[in-house]
Amino acid sequence: MAKRDSFNRRGTQGLDIYGNGDWRSISRHCVIKRTAMQVATHSQKYFKRIEANKKGNRKARAKPSILDINIVDAEFGGTY
């Protein structure tokens, strides 16, 4: 779980620095072990999931995804 959290954290920092769509720079400077295509694909899925959670369109899952955890959950060690 720590690797995924680190990947998300570095990826979002890269988005802040290089902007949405500059996947090559993000992969070269922030998420070094991933290709630009892998960063773009993960980012697309990550933000799509966040939007679905905000709108309430996500169905309850038997096995929750690591992407369902938000920063508040991580700080307090639990979920709502």
Protein backbone atom coordinates (compact mmCIF):
# COMPACT_ATOMS: atom_id res chain seq x y z
CA MET A 1 0.00 0.00 0.00
CA ALA A 2 2.88 2.38 0.68
CA LYS A 3 4.12 2.14 -2.92
CA ARG A 4 0.69 3.05 -4.31
CA ASP A 5 0.35 5.97 -1.89
CA SER A 6 3.82 7.17 -2.84
CA PHE A 7 2.97 6.83 -6.54
CA ASN A 8 -0.22 8.85 -6.10
CA ARG A 9 1.52 11.51 -4.01
CA ARG A 10 4.43 11.94 -6.46
CA GLY A 11 2.05 11.84 -9.42
CA THR A 12 -0.17 14.59 -8.04
CA GLN A 13 2.91 16.66 -7.21
CA GLY A 14 4.00 16.19 -10.81
CA LEU A 15 0.58 17.38 -11.99
CA ASP A 16 0.97 20.51 -9.88
CA ILE A 17 4.40 21.20 -11.36
CA TYR A 18 3.97 20.16 -15.01
CA GLY A 19 0.21 20.35 -15.49
CA ASN A 20 -2.32 17.89 -16.83
CA GLY A 21 -1.18 16.16 -19.99
CA ASP A 22 2.60 16.48 -19.67
CA TRP A 23 2.93 12.80 -18.81
CA ARG A 24 6.45 12.48 -20.18
CA SER A 25 7.83 15.13 -17.79
CA ILE A 26 5.92 13.65 -14.86
CA SER A 27 7.27 10.17 -15.62
CA ARG A 28 10.83 11.44 -16.09
CA HIS A 29 11.03 13.65 -13.02
CA CYS A 30 8.42 12.52 -10.49
CA VAL A 31 7.38 8.90 -11.06
CA ILE A 32 10.65 7.64 -12.48
CA LYS A 33 9.86 3.92 -12.57
CA ARG A 34 6.75 4.38 -14.72
CA THR A 35 6.44 5.19 -18.40
CA ALA A 36 4.50 8.20 -19.62
CA MET A 37 1.71 5.88 -20.83
CA GLN A 38 1.48 4.18 -17.41
CA VAL A 39 1.31 7.56 -15.63
CA ALA A 40 -1.38 8.82 -18.02
CA THR A 41 -3.49 5.67 -17.67
CA HIS A 42 -3.25 5.61 -13.88
CA SER A 43 -4.03 9.31 -13.65
CA GLN A 44 -7.10 8.92 -15.85
CA LYS A 45 -8.42 6.04 -13.73
CA TYR A 46 -7.58 7.81 -10.47
CA PHE A 47 -9.40 11.04 -11.33
CA LYS A 48 -12.35 9.19 -12.85
CA ARG A 49 -12.74 7.27 -9.59
CA ILE A 50 -12.51 10.47 -7.53
CA GLU A 51 -15.23 12.12 -9.63
CA ALA A 52 -17.48 9.06 -9.31
CA ASN A 53 -17.00 9.11 -5.52
CA LYS A 54 -17.90 12.81 -5.35
CA LYS A 55 -21.06 12.29 -7.39
CA GLY A 56 -22.05 9.19 -5.43
CA ASN A 57 -22.12 7.06 -8.59
CA ARG A 58 -19.88 4.32 -7.22
CA LYS A 59 -21.54 1.12 -6.17
CA ALA A 60 -20.57 -0.46 -2.87
CA ARG A 61 -17.90 -3.03 -3.56
CA ALA A 62 -17.24 -6.25 -1.70
CA LYS A 63 -13.52 -5.55 -1.95
CA PRO A 64 -12.67 -1.84 -1.67
CA SER A 65 -9.98 -0.40 -3.90
CA ILE A 66 -6.84 1.28 -2.59
CA LEU A 67 -7.91 4.30 -4.62
CA ASP A 68 -10.99 4.67 -2.40
CA ILE A 69 -8.84 5.80 0.53
CA ASN A 70 -8.55 9.54 0.85
CA ILE A 71 -6.13 11.65 2.88
CA VAL A 72 -8.46 11.96 5.87
CA ASP A 73 -8.73 8.17 6.07
CA ALA A 74 -4.96 7.74 5.94
CA GLU A 75 -4.33 10.30 8.70
CA PHE A 76 -6.72 8.67 11.15
CA GLY A 77 -6.10 5.07 10.14
CA GLY A 78 -9.70 4.20 9.32
CA THR A 79 -12.58 4.74 6.98
CA TYR A 80 -15.99 6.29 7.45
